[in-house]
Amino acid sequence: MALRVMIVDDALFMRNMLKDILVRAGHEVVAEAENGDTVLNLYLEHKPDLVTMDIVMPKKSGVEALQEIMANHPEACVVMVSALGQESLVLEAVEAGAKDFIVKPFKEDNVLETVRRVTVHV
């Protein structure tokens, strides 16, 4: 099933890598953001099936943006994207409502398996 996805990451390179993986798998990227400031408005505008959210970003962290989304839309499906060594932030994000996480650098199979796992009921 094709999903409508929003990608949030401050690095254009990372957004493009994720976008390529998801589009090749038949999904549609409906929105992108480079920081947490615009996430809630974009979520409301596009109503994606899945959000991938970088955990560390300028202005507003991924955890803060996740908390905003979950406070308003507890049904949201958000997967955090983290670098190795960010375990405490990942735990905080999962406690705040993230469904799972993907570790950078991306492996296409891992990304797609995580997407399948968290969107089984979408």
N, C-alpha and C. Protein backbone atom coordinates (compact mmCIF):
# COMPACT_ATOMS: atom_id res chain seq x y z
N MET A 1 0.83 -1.18 0.00
CA MET A 1 0.00 0.00 0.00
C MET A 1 0.88 1.25 0.00
N ALA A 2 0.60 2.16 -0.89
CA ALA A 2 1.37 3.40 -0.96
C ALA A 2 1.00 4.31 0.21
N LEU A 3 2.01 4.83 0.87
CA LEU A 3 1.80 5.73 2.00
C LEU A 3 2.12 7.16 1.59
N ARG A 4 1.47 8.10 2.26
CA ARG A 4 1.77 9.53 2.11
C ARG A 4 2.70 9.88 3.26
N VAL A 5 3.91 10.34 2.92
CA VAL A 5 4.96 10.51 3.93
C VAL A 5 5.43 11.96 4.00
N MET A 6 5.72 12.40 5.23
CA MET A 6 6.36 13.70 5.45
C MET A 6 7.74 13.41 6.05
N ILE A 7 8.78 14.02 5.48
CA ILE A 7 10.15 13.82 5.93
C ILE A 7 10.65 15.10 6.59
N VAL A 8 11.13 14.97 7.82
CA VAL A 8 11.64 16.13 8.56
C VAL A 8 13.09 15.86 8.94
N ASP A 9 14.00 16.65 8.38
CA ASP A 9 15.43 16.51 8.67
C ASP A 9 16.11 17.80 8.26
N ASP A 10 17.04 18.28 9.09
CA ASP A 10 17.72 19.54 8.77
C ASP A 10 18.73 19.38 7.64
N ALA A 11 19.10 18.15 7.32
CA ALA A 11 20.07 17.91 6.25
C ALA A 11 19.35 17.51 4.95
N LEU A 12 19.49 18.34 3.92
CA LEU A 12 18.88 18.06 2.63
C LEU A 12 19.33 16.70 2.09
N PHE A 13 20.59 16.37 2.26
CA PHE A 13 21.13 15.10 1.81
C PHE A 13 20.36 13.93 2.43
N MET A 14 20.08 14.01 3.73
CA MET A 14 19.35 12.94 4.43
C MET A 14 17.90 12.88 3.95
N ARG A 15 17.28 14.04 3.76
CA ARG A 15 15.90 14.06 3.24
C ARG A 15 15.85 13.39 1.87
N ASN A 16 16.82 13.72 1.02
CA ASN A 16 16.84 13.14 -0.32
C ASN A 16 17.09 11.63 -0.29
N MET A 17 17.96 11.17 0.60
CA MET A 17 18.21 9.73 0.71
C MET A 17 16.93 9.00 1.12
N LEU A 18 16.26 9.50 2.14
CA LEU A 18 15.02 8.87 2.59
C LEU A 18 13.95 8.94 1.51
N LYS A 19 13.85 10.09 0.87
CA LYS A 19 12.86 10.26 -0.20
C LYS A 19 13.08 9.24 -1.31
N ASP A 20 14.33 9.07 -1.73
CA ASP A 20 14.65 8.11 -2.79
C ASP A 20 14.23 6.70 -2.39
N ILE A 21 14.54 6.30 -1.16
CA ILE A 21 14.18 4.96 -0.68
C ILE A 21 12.66 4.79 -0.69
N LEU A 22 11.95 5.77 -0.17
CA LEU A 22 10.50 5.66 -0.04
C LEU A 22 9.79 5.70 -1.39
N VAL A 23 10.24 6.58 -2.28
CA VAL A 23 9.62 6.70 -3.60
C VAL A 23 9.86 5.43 -4.42
N ARG A 24 11.08 4.88 -4.34
CA ARG A 24 11.36 3.62 -5.05
C ARG A 24 10.45 2.50 -4.57
N ALA A 25 10.04 2.57 -3.30
CA ALA A 25 9.17 1.53 -2.73
C ALA A 25 7.70 1.81 -3.02
N GLY A 26 7.42 2.91 -3.77
CA GLY A 26 6.05 3.19 -4.18
C GLY A 26 5.29 4.16 -3.30
N HIS A 27 5.97 4.78 -2.35
CA HIS A 27 5.32 5.74 -1.46
C HIS A 27 5.42 7.15 -2.04
N GLU A 28 4.59 8.05 -1.53
CA GLU A 28 4.57 9.43 -2.01
C GLU A 28 5.03 10.36 -0.88
N VAL A 29 6.05 11.16 -1.14
CA VAL A 29 6.50 12.15 -0.16
C VAL A 29 5.68 13.41 -0.41
N VAL A 30 4.80 13.74 0.54
CA VAL A 30 3.87 14.86 0.36
C VAL A 30 4.37 16.16 0.97
N ALA A 31 5.38 16.06 1.86
CA ALA A 31 5.91 17.28 2.48
C ALA A 31 7.30 16.99 3.04
N GLU A 32 8.11 18.07 3.10
CA GLU A 32 9.43 18.01 3.70
C GLU A 32 9.62 19.25 4.55
N ALA A 33 10.39 19.09 5.63
CA ALA A 33 10.71 20.24 6.49
C ALA A 33 12.16 20.10 6.94
N GLU A 34 12.81 21.25 7.16
CA GLU A 34 14.21 21.22 7.57
C GLU A 34 14.39 21.54 9.05
N ASN A 35 13.28 21.83 9.76
CA ASN A 35 13.37 22.01 11.20
C ASN A 35 12.00 21.75 11.83
N GLY A 36 11.97 21.69 13.14
CA GLY A 36 10.75 21.35 13.84
C GLY A 36 9.71 22.45 13.89
N ASP A 37 10.09 23.67 13.54
CA ASP A 37 9.17 24.81 13.65
C ASP A 37 7.91 24.68 12.82
N THR A 38 8.02 24.12 11.63
CA THR A 38 6.88 24.09 10.71
C THR A 38 6.16 22.74 10.68
N VAL A 39 6.61 21.81 11.51
CA VAL A 39 6.10 20.43 11.43
C VAL A 39 4.60 20.34 11.68
N LEU A 40 4.11 20.96 12.74
CA LEU A 40 2.69 20.81 13.06
C LEU A 40 1.80 21.38 11.95
N ASN A 41 2.15 22.55 11.43
CA ASN A 41 1.36 23.14 10.33
C ASN A 41 1.39 22.24 9.09
N LEU A 42 2.57 21.72 8.75
CA LEU A 42 2.66 20.82 7.59
C LEU A 42 1.87 19.54 7.82
N TYR A 43 1.91 19.04 9.06
CA TYR A 43 1.15 17.83 9.37
C TYR A 43 -0.35 18.09 9.16
N LEU A 44 -0.82 19.21 9.66
CA LEU A 44 -2.24 19.56 9.52
C LEU A 44 -2.62 19.75 8.05
N GLU A 45 -1.73 20.36 7.29
CA GLU A 45 -2.00 20.64 5.88
C GLU A 45 -2.04 19.37 5.03
N HIS A 46 -1.11 18.45 5.28
CA HIS A 46 -0.95 17.29 4.39
C HIS A 46 -1.51 15.99 4.95
N LYS A 47 -1.73 15.90 6.25
CA LYS A 47 -2.26 14.69 6.90
C LYS A 47 -1.56 13.42 6.39
N PRO A 48 -0.23 13.34 6.57
CA PRO A 48 0.50 12.17 6.08
C PRO A 48 0.17 10.91 6.88
N ASP A 49 0.37 9.75 6.24
CA ASP A 49 0.20 8.47 6.93
C ASP A 49 1.38 8.19 7.85
N LEU A 50 2.54 8.77 7.49
CA LEU A 50 3.78 8.51 8.22
C LEU A 50 4.64 9.77 8.21
N VAL A 51 5.29 10.03 9.35
CA VAL A 51 6.26 11.12 9.45
C VAL A 51 7.59 10.52 9.87
N THR A 52 8.67 10.83 9.13
CA THR A 52 10.01 10.49 9.60
C THR A 52 10.60 11.78 10.14
N MET A 53 11.13 11.72 11.36
CA MET A 53 11.56 12.94 12.05
C MET A 53 12.97 12.78 12.61
N ASP A 54 13.87 13.62 12.13
CA ASP A 54 15.22 13.65 12.68
C ASP A 54 15.12 14.04 14.15
N ILE A 55 15.93 13.43 14.98
CA ILE A 55 15.81 13.67 16.41
C ILE A 55 16.52 14.95 16.84
N VAL A 56 17.63 15.30 16.16
CA VAL A 56 18.39 16.50 16.51
C VAL A 56 18.32 17.49 15.36
N MET A 57 17.66 18.63 15.62
CA MET A 57 17.52 19.68 14.60
C MET A 57 17.64 21.04 15.27
N PRO A 58 17.99 22.06 14.50
CA PRO A 58 18.04 23.41 15.07
C PRO A 58 16.63 23.95 15.32
N LYS A 59 16.54 24.99 16.10
CA LYS A 59 15.30 25.70 16.42
C LYS A 59 14.39 24.89 17.33
N LYS A 60 13.89 23.77 16.85
CA LYS A 60 13.03 22.91 17.66
C LYS A 60 13.45 21.47 17.39
N SER A 61 13.75 20.74 18.46
CA SER A 61 14.23 19.36 18.28
C SER A 61 13.12 18.46 17.76
N GLY A 62 13.53 17.31 17.26
CA GLY A 62 12.56 16.33 16.79
C GLY A 62 11.65 15.85 17.90
N VAL A 63 12.19 15.73 19.12
CA VAL A 63 11.37 15.29 20.25
C VAL A 63 10.31 16.34 20.56
N GLU A 64 10.69 17.62 20.55
CA GLU A 64 9.71 18.69 20.80
C GLU A 64 8.63 18.72 19.71
N ALA A 65 9.04 18.57 18.46
CA ALA A 65 8.07 18.57 17.35
C ALA A 65 7.16 17.34 17.45
N LEU A 66 7.72 16.20 17.82
CA LEU A 66 6.93 14.99 18.03
C LEU A 66 5.88 15.23 19.12
N GLN A 67 6.29 15.82 20.23
CA GLN A 67 5.37 16.08 21.34
C GLN A 67 4.22 16.97 20.89
N GLU A 68 4.51 17.96 20.06
CA GLU A 68 3.46 18.85 19.53
C GLU A 68 2.47 18.07 18.68
N ILE A 69 2.99 17.24 17.78
CA ILE A 69 2.10 16.45 16.93
C ILE A 69 1.24 15.52 17.77
N MET A 70 1.85 14.79 18.70
CA MET A 70 1.13 13.80 19.49
C MET A 70 0.10 14.45 20.40
N ALA A 71 0.38 15.64 20.90
CA ALA A 71 -0.58 16.34 21.76
C ALA A 71 -1.86 16.66 20.99
N ASN A 72 -1.72 16.94 19.70
CA ASN A 72 -2.87 17.31 18.88
C ASN A 72 -3.43 16.15 18.07
N HIS A 73 -2.57 15.16 17.77
CA HIS A 73 -2.97 14.03 16.91
C HIS A 73 -2.35 12.74 17.45
N PRO A 74 -2.91 12.19 18.53
CA PRO A 74 -2.31 11.01 19.15
C PRO A 74 -2.29 9.78 18.23
N GLU A 75 -3.04 9.82 17.15
CA GLU A 75 -3.05 8.70 16.20
C GLU A 75 -1.91 8.78 15.20
N ALA A 76 -1.14 9.85 15.22
CA ALA A 76 -0.06 10.06 14.24
C ALA A 76 0.96 8.93 14.32
N CYS A 77 1.50 8.58 13.16
CA CYS A 77 2.53 7.55 13.06
C CYS A 77 3.85 8.25 12.74
N VAL A 78 4.70 8.36 13.76
CA VAL A 78 5.97 9.07 13.62
C VAL A 78 7.12 8.11 13.92
N VAL A 79 8.10 8.08 13.02
CA VAL A 79 9.31 7.29 13.20
C VAL A 79 10.47 8.26 13.33
N MET A 80 11.23 8.13 14.38
CA MET A 80 12.36 9.02 14.61
C MET A 80 13.58 8.52 13.84
N VAL A 81 14.42 9.47 13.43
CA VAL A 81 15.66 9.17 12.73
C VAL A 81 16.79 9.67 13.62
N SER A 82 17.72 8.76 13.96
CA SER A 82 18.78 9.16 14.89
C SER A 82 20.13 8.62 14.43
N ALA A 83 21.15 9.29 14.90
CA ALA A 83 22.51 8.80 14.69
C ALA A 83 22.85 7.86 15.84
N LEU A 84 23.86 7.05 15.64
CA LEU A 84 24.32 6.19 16.73
C LEU A 84 24.71 7.06 17.92
N GLY A 85 24.46 6.57 19.13
CA GLY A 85 24.85 7.31 20.31
C GLY A 85 23.76 8.24 20.84
N GLN A 86 22.57 8.21 20.26
CA GLN A 86 21.48 9.09 20.71
C GLN A 86 20.38 8.28 21.41
N GLU A 87 20.79 7.21 22.09
CA GLU A 87 19.82 6.29 22.69
C GLU A 87 18.88 6.97 23.67
N SER A 88 19.40 7.89 24.50
CA SER A 88 18.54 8.53 25.50
C SER A 88 17.48 9.39 24.82
N LEU A 89 17.83 10.05 23.73
CA LEU A 89 16.85 10.85 22.99
C LEU A 89 15.82 9.95 22.31
N VAL A 90 16.26 8.81 21.81
CA VAL A 90 15.33 7.86 21.18
C VAL A 90 14.33 7.36 22.22
N LEU A 91 14.82 7.01 23.42
CA LEU A 91 13.92 6.57 24.48
C LEU A 91 12.91 7.64 24.84
N GLU A 92 13.37 8.87 24.94
CA GLU A 92 12.48 10.00 25.23
C GLU A 92 11.42 10.13 24.13
N ALA A 93 11.81 9.96 22.88
CA ALA A 93 10.88 10.06 21.75
C ALA A 93 9.86 8.93 21.77
N VAL A 94 10.30 7.72 22.08
CA VAL A 94 9.37 6.59 22.13
C VAL A 94 8.37 6.80 23.26
N GLU A 95 8.84 7.30 24.39
CA GLU A 95 7.93 7.61 25.51
C GLU A 95 6.94 8.69 25.13
N ALA A 96 7.34 9.59 24.23
CA ALA A 96 6.46 10.68 23.79
C ALA A 96 5.50 10.25 22.68
N GLY A 97 5.65 9.02 22.18
CA GLY A 97 4.69 8.53 21.19
C GLY A 97 5.25 8.08 19.87
N ALA A 98 6.57 8.17 19.67
CA ALA A 98 7.14 7.68 18.42
C ALA A 98 6.90 6.18 18.31
N LYS A 99 6.60 5.71 17.11
CA LYS A 99 6.31 4.30 16.90
C LYS A 99 7.57 3.45 16.80
N ASP A 100 8.66 4.05 16.34
CA ASP A 100 9.91 3.30 16.15
C ASP A 100 11.00 4.30 15.79
N PHE A 101 12.17 3.80 15.42
CA PHE A 101 13.26 4.69 15.00
C PHE A 101 14.09 4.02 13.93
N ILE A 102 14.77 4.84 13.15
CA ILE A 102 15.69 4.40 12.10
C ILE A 102 17.04 5.02 12.43
N VAL A 103 18.10 4.22 12.31
CA VAL A 103 19.44 4.72 12.64
C VAL A 103 20.17 5.13 11.36
N LYS A 104 20.81 6.31 11.41
CA LYS A 104 21.68 6.76 10.33
C LYS A 104 23.03 6.09 10.51
N PRO A 105 23.76 5.76 9.48
CA PRO A 105 23.40 5.89 8.07
C PRO A 105 22.33 4.86 7.69
N PHE A 106 21.49 5.23 6.74
CA PHE A 106 20.35 4.40 6.36
C PHE A 106 20.78 3.17 5.59
N LYS A 107 20.08 2.08 5.88
CA LYS A 107 20.15 0.88 5.04
C LYS A 107 18.73 0.72 4.50
N GLU A 108 18.59 0.67 3.20
CA GLU A 108 17.27 0.65 2.57
C GLU A 108 16.37 -0.43 3.15
N ASP A 109 16.89 -1.64 3.32
CA ASP A 109 16.06 -2.74 3.85
C ASP A 109 15.55 -2.42 5.25
N ASN A 110 16.40 -1.82 6.09
CA ASN A 110 15.99 -1.48 7.46
C ASN A 110 14.91 -0.40 7.45
N VAL A 111 15.07 0.60 6.59
CA VAL A 111 14.08 1.67 6.50
C VAL A 111 12.73 1.10 6.09
N LEU A 112 12.72 0.29 5.04
CA LEU A 112 11.46 -0.25 4.53
C LEU A 112 10.82 -1.24 5.50
N GLU A 113 11.63 -2.02 6.20
CA GLU A 113 11.08 -2.94 7.20
C GLU A 113 10.44 -2.16 8.35
N THR A 114 11.08 -1.09 8.80
CA THR A 114 10.52 -0.27 9.87
C THR A 114 9.21 0.37 9.41
N VAL A 115 9.19 0.88 8.20
CA VAL A 115 7.96 1.49 7.64
C VAL A 115 6.85 0.46 7.60
N ARG A 116 7.15 -0.73 7.11
CA ARG A 116 6.12 -1.81 7.05
C ARG A 116 5.60 -2.13 8.45
N ARG A 117 6.52 -2.25 9.40
CA ARG A 117 6.15 -2.65 10.76
C ARG A 117 5.22 -1.62 11.42
N VAL A 118 5.52 -0.35 11.27
CA VAL A 118 4.73 0.66 11.98
C VAL A 118 3.46 1.06 11.26
N THR A 119 3.35 0.71 9.97
CA THR A 119 2.16 1.12 9.22
C THR A 119 1.25 -0.05 8.87
N VAL A 120 1.41 -1.16 9.54
CA VAL A 120 0.59 -2.34 9.28
C VAL A 120 -0.91 -2.01 9.36
N HIS A 121 -1.29 -1.13 10.28
CA HIS A 121 -2.70 -0.82 10.51
C HIS A 121 -3.16 0.47 9.85
N VAL A 122 -2.33 1.06 9.02
CA VAL A 122 -2.71 2.34 8.38
C VAL A 122 -3.62 2.05 7.21
